[in-house]
PDB file of N, CA and C in Angstrom:
ATOM      1  N   ARG A   1      -7.958  31.462  -5.951  1.00  0.00           N
ATOM      2  CA  ARG A   1      -9.157  32.222  -5.679  1.00  0.00           C
ATOM      3  C   ARG A   1      -9.267  33.068  -6.922  1.00  0.00           C
ATOM      4  N   LYS A   2      -9.040  32.851  -7.861  1.00  0.00           N
ATOM      5  CA  LYS A   2     -10.051  33.844  -8.441  1.00  0.00           C
ATOM      6  C   LYS A   2     -10.240  32.912  -9.883  1.00  0.00           C
ATOM      7  N   GLY A   3     -10.163  31.861  -9.879  1.00  0.00           N
ATOM      8  CA  GLY A   3     -10.159  30.533 -10.664  1.00  0.00           C
ATOM      9  C   GLY A   3      -9.870  30.519 -11.841  1.00  0.00           C
ATOM     10  N   CYS A   4     -10.316  29.653 -12.569  1.00  0.00           N
ATOM     11  CA  CYS A   4     -10.268  29.141 -14.026  1.00  0.00           C
ATOM     12  C   CYS A   4      -9.742  30.130 -14.841  1.00  0.00           C
ATOM     13  N   ASP A   5      -8.859  30.383 -15.621  1.00  0.00           N
ATOM     14  CA  ASP A   5      -8.543  31.643 -16.601  1.00  0.00           C
ATOM     15  C   ASP A   5      -9.529  31.298 -17.576  1.00  0.00           C
ATOM     16  N   GLU A   6      -9.816  31.621 -18.355  1.00  0.00           N
ATOM     17  CA  GLU A   6     -11.174  31.783 -19.564  1.00  0.00           C
ATOM     18  C   GLU A   6     -10.266  30.631 -20.421  1.00  0.00           C
ATOM     19  N   THR A   7      -8.958  30.663 -20.874  1.00  0.00           N
ATOM     20  CA  THR A   7      -8.490  29.825 -21.976  1.00  0.00           C
ATOM     21  C   THR A   7      -8.321  28.306 -21.356  1.00  0.00           C
ATOM     22  N   LEU A   8      -7.846  28.203 -20.070  1.00  0.00           N
ATOM     23  CA  LEU A   8      -7.524  26.984 -19.556  1.00  0.00           C
ATOM     24  C   LEU A   8      -9.356  26.337 -19.241  1.00  0.00           C
ATOM     25  N   LEU A   9     -10.477  26.862 -19.315  1.00  0.00           N
ATOM     26  CA  LEU A   9     -11.920  26.751 -19.444  1.00  0.00           C
ATOM     27  C   LEU A   9     -12.386  25.623 -20.634  1.00  0.00           C
ATOM     28  N   GLN A  10     -11.751  26.785 -21.473  1.00  0.00           N
ATOM     29  CA  GLN A  10     -12.119  26.447 -23.209  1.00  0.00           C
ATOM     30  C   GLN A  10     -10.796  25.105 -23.980  1.00  0.00           C
ATOM     31  N   THR A  11      -9.743  25.301 -23.309  1.00  0.00           N
ATOM     32  CA  THR A  11      -8.948  24.148 -23.892  1.00  0.00           C
ATOM     33  C   THR A  11      -9.695  22.598 -23.103  1.00  0.00           C
ATOM     34  N   ILE A  12     -10.044  22.338 -21.680  1.00  0.00           N
ATOM     35  CA  ILE A  12     -10.849  21.506 -20.824  1.00  0.00           C
ATOM     36  C   ILE A  12     -11.920  21.147 -22.015  1.00  0.00           C
ATOM     37  N   ILE A  13     -12.937  22.277 -22.247  1.00  0.00           N
ATOM     38  CA  ILE A  13     -13.779  22.012 -22.939  1.00  0.00           C
ATOM     39  C   ILE A  13     -13.461  20.980 -24.725  1.00  0.00           C
ATOM     40  N   ALA A  14     -12.578  21.852 -24.690  1.00  0.00           N
ATOM     41  CA  ALA A  14     -11.921  21.261 -26.618  1.00  0.00           C
ATOM     42  C   ALA A  14     -11.336  20.063 -25.951  1.00  0.00           C
ATOM     43  N   MET A  15     -10.152  19.937 -24.970  1.00  0.00           N
ATOM     44  CA  MET A  15     -10.207  17.885 -25.198  1.00  0.00           C
ATOM     45  C   MET A  15     -11.129  16.944 -24.630  1.00  0.00           C
ATOM     46  N   LYS A  16     -11.920  17.258 -24.248  1.00  0.00           N
ATOM     47  CA  LYS A  16     -12.994  17.111 -24.090  1.00  0.00           C
ATOM     48  C   LYS A  16     -13.184  15.434 -23.425  1.00  0.00           C
ATOM     49  N   PRO A  17     -12.564  15.788 -22.040  1.00  0.00           N
ATOM     50  CA  PRO A  17     -11.999  14.807 -20.843  1.00  0.00           C
ATOM     51  C   PRO A  17     -13.458  14.158 -20.941  1.00  0.00           C
ATOM     52  N   LYS A  18     -13.575  12.741 -20.023  1.00  0.00           N
ATOM     53  CA  LYS A  18     -14.797  12.077 -19.769  1.00  0.00           C
ATOM     54  C   LYS A  18     -15.371  12.665 -18.115  1.00  0.00           C
ATOM     55  N   ARG A  19     -14.399  13.135 -17.496  1.00  0.00           N
ATOM     56  CA  ARG A  19     -14.673  13.584 -15.696  1.00  0.00           C
ATOM     57  C   ARG A  19     -13.656  14.664 -16.237  1.00  0.00           C
ATOM     58  N   VAL A  20     -14.120  15.895 -15.256  1.00  0.00           N
ATOM     59  CA  VAL A  20     -13.389  17.095 -14.384  1.00  0.00           C
ATOM     60  C   VAL A  20     -13.454  17.127 -13.478  1.00  0.00           C
ATOM     61  N   VAL A  21     -12.635  17.074 -12.237  1.00  0.00           N
ATOM     62  CA  VAL A  21     -12.531  17.051 -11.071  1.00  0.00           C
ATOM     63  C   VAL A  21     -11.840  18.749 -10.596  1.00  0.00           C
ATOM     64  N   TYR A  22     -13.190  19.224 -10.188  1.00  0.00           N
ATOM     65  CA  TYR A  22     -12.455  20.680  -9.947  1.00  0.00           C
ATOM     66  C   TYR A  22     -12.452  21.280  -8.690  1.00  0.00           C
ATOM     67  N   VAL A  23     -11.080  21.112  -8.624  1.00  0.00           N
ATOM     68  CA  VAL A  23     -11.075  22.159  -6.655  1.00  0.00           C
ATOM     69  C   VAL A  23     -11.254  23.296  -6.314  1.00  0.00           C
ATOM     70  N   SER A  24     -11.705  24.119  -5.597  1.00  0.00           N
ATOM     71  CA  SER A  24     -11.998  25.676  -5.843  1.00  0.00           C
ATOM     72  C   SER A  24     -12.283  26.165  -3.778  1.00  0.00           C
ATOM     73  N   CYS A  25     -11.392  27.351  -3.556  1.00  0.00           N
ATOM     74  CA  CYS A  25     -11.457  27.520  -2.562  1.00  0.00           C
ATOM     75  C   CYS A  25     -12.321  29.260  -2.034  1.00  0.00           C
ATOM     76  N   ASN A  26     -12.987  29.225  -3.771  1.00  0.00           N
ATOM     77  CA  ASN A  26     -14.265  30.628  -3.715  1.00  0.00           C
ATOM     78  C   ASN A  26     -15.145  30.110  -4.109  1.00  0.00           C
ATOM     79  N   PRO A  27     -16.534  29.355  -3.439  1.00  0.00           N
ATOM     80  CA  PRO A  27     -17.885  29.173  -3.894  1.00  0.00           C
ATOM     81  C   PRO A  27     -17.928  30.607  -5.475  1.00  0.00           C
ATOM     82  N   ALA A  28     -17.578  32.126  -5.250  1.00  0.00           N
ATOM     83  CA  ALA A  28     -18.067  32.518  -6.181  1.00  0.00           C
ATOM     84  C   ALA A  28     -17.777  32.367  -7.796  1.00  0.00           C
ATOM     85  N   THR A  29     -16.116  32.099  -7.738  1.00  0.00           N
ATOM     86  CA  THR A  29     -15.636  31.640  -9.077  1.00  0.00           C
ATOM     87  C   THR A  29     -16.276  29.874  -9.184  1.00  0.00           C
ATOM     88  N   LEU A  30     -16.086  29.499  -8.308  1.00  0.00           N
ATOM     89  CA  LEU A  30     -16.100  27.906  -8.271  1.00  0.00           C
ATOM     90  C   LEU A  30     -17.754  28.040  -9.353  1.00  0.00           C
ATOM     91  N   ALA A  31     -19.346  28.433  -9.085  1.00  0.00           N
ATOM     92  CA  ALA A  31     -19.995  28.917  -9.749  1.00  0.00           C
ATOM     93  C   ALA A  31     -19.738  29.036 -11.378  1.00  0.00           C
ATOM     94  N   ARG A  32     -19.212  30.094 -11.289  1.00  0.00           N
ATOM     95  CA  ARG A  32     -18.628  31.128 -12.554  1.00  0.00           C
ATOM     96  C   ARG A  32     -18.550  30.110 -13.000  1.00  0.00           C
ATOM     97  N   ASP A  33     -17.184  29.430 -13.057  1.00  0.00           N
ATOM     98  CA  ASP A  33     -16.513  28.429 -13.912  1.00  0.00           C
ATOM     99  C   ASP A  33     -17.509  26.969 -13.929  1.00  0.00           C
ATOM    100  N   LEU A  34     -18.065  26.216 -13.097  1.00  0.00           N
ATOM    101  CA  LEU A  34     -18.809  25.468 -13.544  1.00  0.00           C
ATOM    102  C   LEU A  34     -19.556  25.672 -14.650  1.00  0.00           C
ATOM    103  N   ARG A  35     -20.366  26.911 -14.816  1.00  0.00           N
ATOM    104  CA  ARG A  35     -21.214  27.349 -15.455  1.00  0.00           C
ATOM    105  C   ARG A  35     -20.682  27.505 -16.427  1.00  0.00           C
ATOM    106  N   ILE A  36     -19.702  27.888 -17.041  1.00  0.00           N
ATOM    107  CA  ILE A  36     -19.154  28.136 -18.520  1.00  0.00           C
ATOM    108  C   ILE A  36     -19.122  26.344 -18.838  1.00  0.00           C
ATOM    109  N   LEU A  37     -17.671  25.510 -17.941  1.00  0.00           N
ATOM    110  CA  LEU A  37     -18.167  24.366 -18.132  1.00  0.00           C
ATOM    111  C   LEU A  37     -19.308  23.383 -18.584  1.00  0.00           C
ATOM    112  N   GLU A  38     -20.881  24.121 -18.083  1.00  0.00           N
ATOM    113  CA  GLU A  38     -21.580  23.409 -18.006  1.00  0.00           C
ATOM    114  C   GLU A  38     -22.041  23.856 -20.325  1.00  0.00           C
ATOM    115  N   ASP A  39     -22.423  24.858 -20.046  1.00  0.00           N
ATOM    116  CA  ASP A  39     -22.268  25.476 -21.201  1.00  0.00           C
ATOM    117  C   ASP A  39     -21.909  24.597 -22.441  1.00  0.00           C
ATOM    118  N   GLY A  40     -19.811  24.404 -21.489  1.00  0.00           N
ATOM    119  CA  GLY A  40     -19.423  23.562 -22.588  1.00  0.00           C
ATOM    120  C   GLY A  40     -19.763  22.394 -22.873  1.00  0.00           C
ATOM    121  N   GLY A  41     -20.537  22.116 -22.730  1.00  0.00           N
ATOM    122  CA  GLY A  41     -21.499  20.261 -22.523  1.00  0.00           C
ATOM    123  C   GLY A  41     -21.301  19.187 -21.032  1.00  0.00           C
ATOM    124  N   TYR A  42     -20.762  19.880 -20.219  1.00  0.00           N
ATOM    125  CA  TYR A  42     -21.042  18.595 -19.143  1.00  0.00           C
ATOM    126  C   TYR A  42     -21.794  19.179 -17.868  1.00  0.00           C
ATOM    127  N   GLN A  43     -21.904  18.026 -17.295  1.00  0.00           N
ATOM    128  CA  GLN A  43     -22.935  18.141 -16.019  1.00  0.00           C
ATOM    129  C   GLN A  43     -22.414  17.984 -14.606  1.00  0.00           C
ATOM    130  N   THR A  44     -22.823  18.957 -13.973  1.00  0.00           N
ATOM    131  CA  THR A  44     -22.249  18.262 -12.624  1.00  0.00           C
ATOM    132  C   THR A  44     -22.978  18.115 -11.847  1.00  0.00           C
ATOM    133  N   LEU A  45     -22.294  17.014 -11.357  1.00  0.00           N
ATOM    134  CA  LEU A  45     -23.064  15.447 -10.327  1.00  0.00           C
ATOM    135  C   LEU A  45     -23.303  15.804  -9.095  1.00  0.00           C
ATOM    136  N   GLU A  46     -21.754  16.491  -8.711  1.00  0.00           N
ATOM    137  CA  GLU A  46     -22.236  16.589  -7.371  1.00  0.00           C
ATOM    138  C   GLU A  46     -20.497  18.010  -6.861  1.00  0.00           C
ATOM    139  N   VAL A  47     -21.277  18.778  -5.743  1.00  0.00           N
ATOM    140  CA  VAL A  47     -20.199  19.776  -5.391  1.00  0.00           C
ATOM    141  C   VAL A  47     -20.296  19.104  -3.611  1.00  0.00           C
ATOM    142  N   GLN A  48     -19.409  19.118  -3.100  1.00  0.00           N
ATOM    143  CA  GLN A  48     -18.950  18.699  -1.506  1.00  0.00           C
ATOM    144  C   GLN A  48     -17.467  19.728  -0.857  1.00  0.00           C
ATOM    145  N   PRO A  49     -18.689  20.399  -0.554  1.00  0.00           N
ATOM    146  CA  PRO A  49     -17.626  21.267   0.337  1.00  0.00           C
ATOM    147  C   PRO A  49     -16.786  20.048   1.654  1.00  0.00           C
ATOM    148  N   VAL A  50     -15.882  20.544   1.913  1.00  0.00           N
ATOM    149  CA  VAL A  50     -13.978  19.901   2.227  1.00  0.00           C
ATOM    150  C   VAL A  50     -14.221  21.191   3.268  1.00  0.00           C
ATOM    151  N   ASP A  51     -13.539  20.533   4.358  1.00  0.00           N
ATOM    152  CA  ASP A  51     -12.920  21.649   6.174  1.00  0.00           C
ATOM    153  C   ASP A  51     -11.900  21.463   5.906  1.00  0.00           C
ATOM    154  N   MET A  52     -10.728  21.948   4.758  1.00  0.00           N
ATOM    155  CA  MET A  52      -9.805  21.492   5.261  1.00  0.00           C
ATOM    156  C   MET A  52      -9.202  22.584   6.075  1.00  0.00           C
ATOM    157  N   PHE A  53      -9.648  23.339   6.638  1.00  0.00           N
ATOM    158  CA  PHE A  53      -9.535  24.518   7.731  1.00  0.00           C
ATOM    159  C   PHE A  53     -10.127  24.365   9.051  1.00  0.00           C
ATOM    160  N   PRO A  54      -9.685  23.776  10.074  1.00  0.00           N
ATOM    161  CA  PRO A  54     -10.793  23.341  11.080  1.00  0.00           C
ATOM    162  C   PRO A  54     -11.019  24.988  11.824  1.00  0.00           C
ATOM    163  N   HIS A  55     -11.968  25.632  12.223  1.00  0.00           N
ATOM    164  CA  HIS A  55     -12.230  26.395  13.432  1.00  0.00           C
ATOM    165  C   HIS A  55     -11.506  27.983  12.509  1.00  0.00           C
ATOM    166  N   THR A  56     -12.187  28.137  11.136  1.00  0.00           N
ATOM    167  CA  THR A  56     -12.125  29.440  10.354  1.00  0.00           C
ATOM    168  C   THR A  56     -13.458  29.094   9.684  1.00  0.00           C
ATOM    169  N   ALA A  57     -13.427  29.991   8.923  1.00  0.00           N
ATOM    170  CA  ALA A  57     -14.748  29.881   7.421  1.00  0.00           C
ATOM    171  C   ALA A  57     -14.101  29.492   6.147  1.00  0.00           C
ATOM    172  N   HIS A  58     -13.003  29.092   5.744  1.00  0.00           N
ATOM    173  CA  HIS A  58     -12.156  28.992   4.839  1.00  0.00           C
ATOM    174  C   HIS A  58     -12.999  27.365   4.754  1.00  0.00           C
ATOM    175  N   VAL A  59     -13.495  27.391   3.485  1.00  0.00           N
ATOM    176  CA  VAL A  59     -14.037  25.903   3.143  1.00  0.00           C
ATOM    177  C   VAL A  59     -13.306  25.564   1.670  1.00  0.00           C
ATOM    178  N   GLU A  60     -12.892  24.419   1.470  1.00  0.00           N
ATOM    179  CA  GLU A  60     -12.354  23.938  -0.384  1.00  0.00           C
ATOM    180  C   GLU A  60     -13.743  23.238  -0.502  1.00  0.00           C
ATOM    181  N   CYS A  61     -14.150  23.583  -1.959  1.00  0.00           N
ATOM    182  CA  CYS A  61     -15.224  22.805  -2.478  1.00  0.00           C
ATOM    183  C   CYS A  61     -14.284  21.956  -3.867  1.00  0.00           C
ATOM    184  N   CYS A  62     -14.991  20.321  -3.432  1.00  0.00           N
ATOM    185  CA  CYS A  62     -14.405  19.758  -4.820  1.00  0.00           C
ATOM    186  C   CYS A  62     -15.420  19.025  -5.656  1.00  0.00           C
ATOM    187  N   ALA A  63     -15.992  19.907  -6.966  1.00  0.00           N
ATOM    188  CA  ALA A  63     -16.569  19.485  -8.075  1.00  0.00           C
ATOM    189  C   ALA A  63     -16.849  18.106  -8.636  1.00  0.00           C
ATOM    190  N   LEU A  64     -17.323  17.038  -9.040  1.00  0.00           N
ATOM    191  CA  LEU A  64     -17.635  16.436 -10.161  1.00  0.00           C
ATOM    192  C   LEU A  64     -18.227  16.821 -11.237  1.00  0.00           C
ATOM    193  N   LEU A  65     -17.890  17.094 -12.625  1.00  0.00           N
ATOM    194  CA  LEU A  65     -18.231  16.871 -13.845  1.00  0.00           C
ATOM    195  C   LEU A  65     -18.094  16.041 -14.728  1.00  0.00           C
ATOM    196  N   VAL A  66     -19.450  15.330 -15.457  1.00  0.00           N
ATOM    197  CA  VAL A  66     -19.287  14.508 -16.685  1.00  0.00           C
ATOM    198  C   VAL A  66     -19.352  15.390 -17.713  1.00  0.00           C
ATOM    199  N   LYS A  67     -18.856  14.944 -18.854  1.00  0.00           N
ATOM    200  CA  LYS A  67     -19.050  14.963 -20.357  1.00  0.00           C
ATOM    201  C   LYS A  67     -20.543  14.354 -20.530  1.00  0.00           C
ATOM    202  N   LYS A  68     -21.319  15.643 -20.959  1.00  0.00           N
ATOM    203  CA  LYS A  68     -22.560  15.205 -21.243  1.00  0.00           C
ATOM    204  C   LYS A  68     -22.557  14.108 -22.893  1.00  0.00           C
ATOM    205  N   LEU A  69     -23.140  13.186 -23.067  1.00  0.00           N
ATOM    206  CA  LEU A  69     -23.176  12.249 -24.126  1.00  0.00           C
ATOM    207  C   LEU A  69     -24.622  13.102 -25.292  1.00  0.00           C
TER     208      LEU A  69
END
C-alpha cells in the first residue's frame, strides 16, 4: 500500500523495459509512482480499475506504461 520504493522505480527506469504493468491498491501512491516513471521516460497508456473485492470500498488499479521513443 505504500507504493514502490524509489530505488525500485529508478532501477526500472535504468533497465528500460518496453512496457511496465503496475498493479496498485492505493490510488495516491499509484499516481505518485506513475509520475516518477513518466518523468523517467514512460507514458501511461491506460489505467483500469478492477473490483477484486465486491461490496467493499477497495479497488485495485492496473496501469500500462510504455517507453517513449
